[in-house]
Amino acid sequence: MTRTEIEEKVRDFMIEDMEIAAEKVHANALLKEDMGIDSLDYVDIIVIVNRIFGFKIKLEEMTNVKTLGDFCDYIEQKIKE
């Protein structure tokens, strides 16, 4: 899966499943501050990522994930493992 495909899938589920306004979904958007993602949303994101990408997010690995771009980096790294 290419980086572009990862970004498209993440963008799609953020807009459709997480119901975040499309204009807020961009690489530099801060997950909490700009996109409004809270701890309950992370539970949904874990389920969605498992369904779409086939792996489980480990919250302890997400400590440095601040932006949507960071999140895509994390997914790309996990897919390559």
C-alpha atoms as a PDB file:
ATOM      1  CA  MET A   1       0.000   0.000   0.000  1.00  0.00           C
ATOM      2  CA  THR A   2       1.396   3.388  -0.991  1.00  0.00           C
ATOM      3  CA  ARG A   3       1.582   6.468   1.216  1.00  0.00           C
ATOM      4  CA  THR A   4      -1.067   8.138  -0.959  1.00  0.00           C
ATOM      5  CA  GLU A   5      -3.430   5.194  -0.459  1.00  0.00           C
ATOM      6  CA  ILE A   6      -2.871   5.327   3.307  1.00  0.00           C
ATOM      7  CA  GLU A   7      -3.605   9.058   3.386  1.00  0.00           C
ATOM      8  CA  GLU A   8      -6.765   8.595   1.292  1.00  0.00           C
ATOM      9  CA  LYS A   9      -8.079   5.819   3.522  1.00  0.00           C
ATOM     10  CA  VAL A  10      -7.323   7.787   6.699  1.00  0.00           C
ATOM     11  CA  ARG A  11      -8.936  10.923   5.260  1.00  0.00           C
ATOM     12  CA  ASP A  12     -12.013   8.962   4.213  1.00  0.00           C
ATOM     13  CA  PHE A  13     -12.590   7.347   7.605  1.00  0.00           C
ATOM     14  CA  MET A  14     -11.908  10.580   9.492  1.00  0.00           C
ATOM     15  CA  ILE A  15     -14.582  12.334   7.432  1.00  0.00           C
ATOM     16  CA  GLU A  16     -17.108   9.493   7.131  1.00  0.00           C
ATOM     17  CA  ASP A  17     -16.739   7.431  10.308  1.00  0.00           C
ATOM     18  CA  MET A  18     -15.431  10.059  12.730  1.00  0.00           C
ATOM     19  CA  GLU A  19     -17.633  12.791  11.204  1.00  0.00           C
ATOM     20  CA  ILE A  20     -14.870  15.405  11.097  1.00  0.00           C
ATOM     21  CA  ALA A  21     -15.381  18.297   8.669  1.00  0.00           C
ATOM     22  CA  ALA A  22     -13.370  17.757   5.481  1.00  0.00           C
ATOM     23  CA  GLU A  23     -11.594  21.118   5.772  1.00  0.00           C
ATOM     24  CA  LYS A  24     -10.139  20.046   9.134  1.00  0.00           C
ATOM     25  CA  VAL A  25      -8.643  16.827   7.737  1.00  0.00           C
ATOM     26  CA  HIS A  26      -5.155  17.673   6.478  1.00  0.00           C
ATOM     27  CA  ALA A  27      -1.609  16.508   7.238  1.00  0.00           C
ATOM     28  CA  ASN A  28      -0.769  19.331   9.666  1.00  0.00           C
ATOM     29  CA  ALA A  29      -4.032  19.139  11.603  1.00  0.00           C
ATOM     30  CA  LEU A  30      -3.535  18.416  15.293  1.00  0.00           C
ATOM     31  CA  LEU A  31      -5.604  15.385  16.235  1.00  0.00           C
ATOM     32  CA  LYS A  32      -6.886  16.745  19.540  1.00  0.00           C
ATOM     33  CA  GLU A  33      -6.854  20.507  19.110  1.00  0.00           C
ATOM     34  CA  ASP A  34      -7.844  20.902  15.432  1.00  0.00           C
ATOM     35  CA  MET A  35      -9.839  17.736  14.779  1.00  0.00           C
ATOM     36  CA  GLY A  36     -11.412  17.377  18.226  1.00  0.00           C
ATOM     37  CA  ILE A  37     -10.412  13.743  18.740  1.00  0.00           C
ATOM     38  CA  ASP A  38     -10.760  12.674  22.374  1.00  0.00           C
ATOM     39  CA  SER A  39      -9.968   9.497  24.293  1.00  0.00           C
ATOM     40  CA  LEU A  40     -13.298   7.891  23.383  1.00  0.00           C
ATOM     41  CA  ASP A  41     -12.653   8.567  19.700  1.00  0.00           C
ATOM     42  CA  TYR A  42      -9.369   6.657  19.941  1.00  0.00           C
ATOM     43  CA  VAL A  43     -11.340   3.500  20.738  1.00  0.00           C
ATOM     44  CA  ASP A  44     -13.275   3.911  17.474  1.00  0.00           C
ATOM     45  CA  ILE A  45     -10.073   4.701  15.575  1.00  0.00           C
ATOM     46  CA  ILE A  46      -8.431   1.515  16.893  1.00  0.00           C
ATOM     47  CA  VAL A  47     -11.351  -0.565  15.596  1.00  0.00           C
ATOM     48  CA  ILE A  48     -11.401   1.215  12.219  1.00  0.00           C
ATOM     49  CA  VAL A  49      -7.631   0.907  11.685  1.00  0.00           C
ATOM     50  CA  ASN A  50      -7.800  -2.797  12.523  1.00  0.00           C
ATOM     51  CA  ARG A  51     -10.607  -3.268   9.989  1.00  0.00           C
ATOM     52  CA  ILE A  52      -8.993  -1.230   7.200  1.00  0.00           C
ATOM     53  CA  PHE A  53      -5.277  -1.863   7.678  1.00  0.00           C
ATOM     54  CA  GLY A  54      -5.262  -5.201   9.526  1.00  0.00           C
ATOM     55  CA  PHE A  55      -3.295  -4.349  12.670  1.00  0.00           C
ATOM     56  CA  LYS A  56      -4.042  -3.170  16.185  1.00  0.00           C
ATOM     57  CA  ILE A  57      -2.845   0.205  17.368  1.00  0.00           C
ATOM     58  CA  LYS A  58      -0.796   0.133  20.548  1.00  0.00           C
ATOM     59  CA  LEU A  59      -1.577   3.314  22.456  1.00  0.00           C
ATOM     60  CA  GLU A  60       1.895   3.418  23.998  1.00  0.00           C
ATOM     61  CA  GLU A  61       3.321   3.701  20.456  1.00  0.00           C
ATOM     62  CA  MET A  62       1.101   6.708  19.773  1.00  0.00           C
ATOM     63  CA  THR A  63       2.741   9.052  22.299  1.00  0.00           C
ATOM     64  CA  ASN A  64       4.518  11.091  19.604  1.00  0.00           C
ATOM     65  CA  VAL A  65       1.550  11.137  17.230  1.00  0.00           C
ATOM     66  CA  LYS A  66       0.244  14.701  17.323  1.00  0.00           C
ATOM     67  CA  THR A  67      -0.860  15.477  13.755  1.00  0.00           C
ATOM     68  CA  LEU A  68      -2.737  13.612  11.070  1.00  0.00           C
ATOM     69  CA  GLY A  69       0.552  13.363   9.154  1.00  0.00           C
ATOM     70  CA  ASP A  70       2.174  11.715  12.191  1.00  0.00           C
ATOM     71  CA  PHE A  71      -0.740   9.286  12.304  1.00  0.00           C
ATOM     72  CA  CYS A  72      -0.232   8.380   8.634  1.00  0.00           C
ATOM     73  CA  ASP A  73       3.507   7.935   9.322  1.00  0.00           C
ATOM     74  CA  TYR A  74       2.640   5.538  12.155  1.00  0.00           C
ATOM     75  CA  ILE A  75       0.294   3.506   9.950  1.00  0.00           C
ATOM     76  CA  GLU A  76       2.851   3.396   7.125  1.00  0.00           C
ATOM     77  CA  GLN A  77       5.529   2.151   9.519  1.00  0.00           C
ATOM     78  CA  LYS A  78       3.256  -0.569  10.964  1.00  0.00           C
ATOM     79  CA  ILE A  79       2.261  -1.795   7.490  1.00  0.00           C
ATOM     80  CA  LYS A  80       5.931  -2.193   6.535  1.00  0.00           C
ATOM     81  CA  GLU A  81       6.738  -4.267   9.641  1.00  0.00           C
END
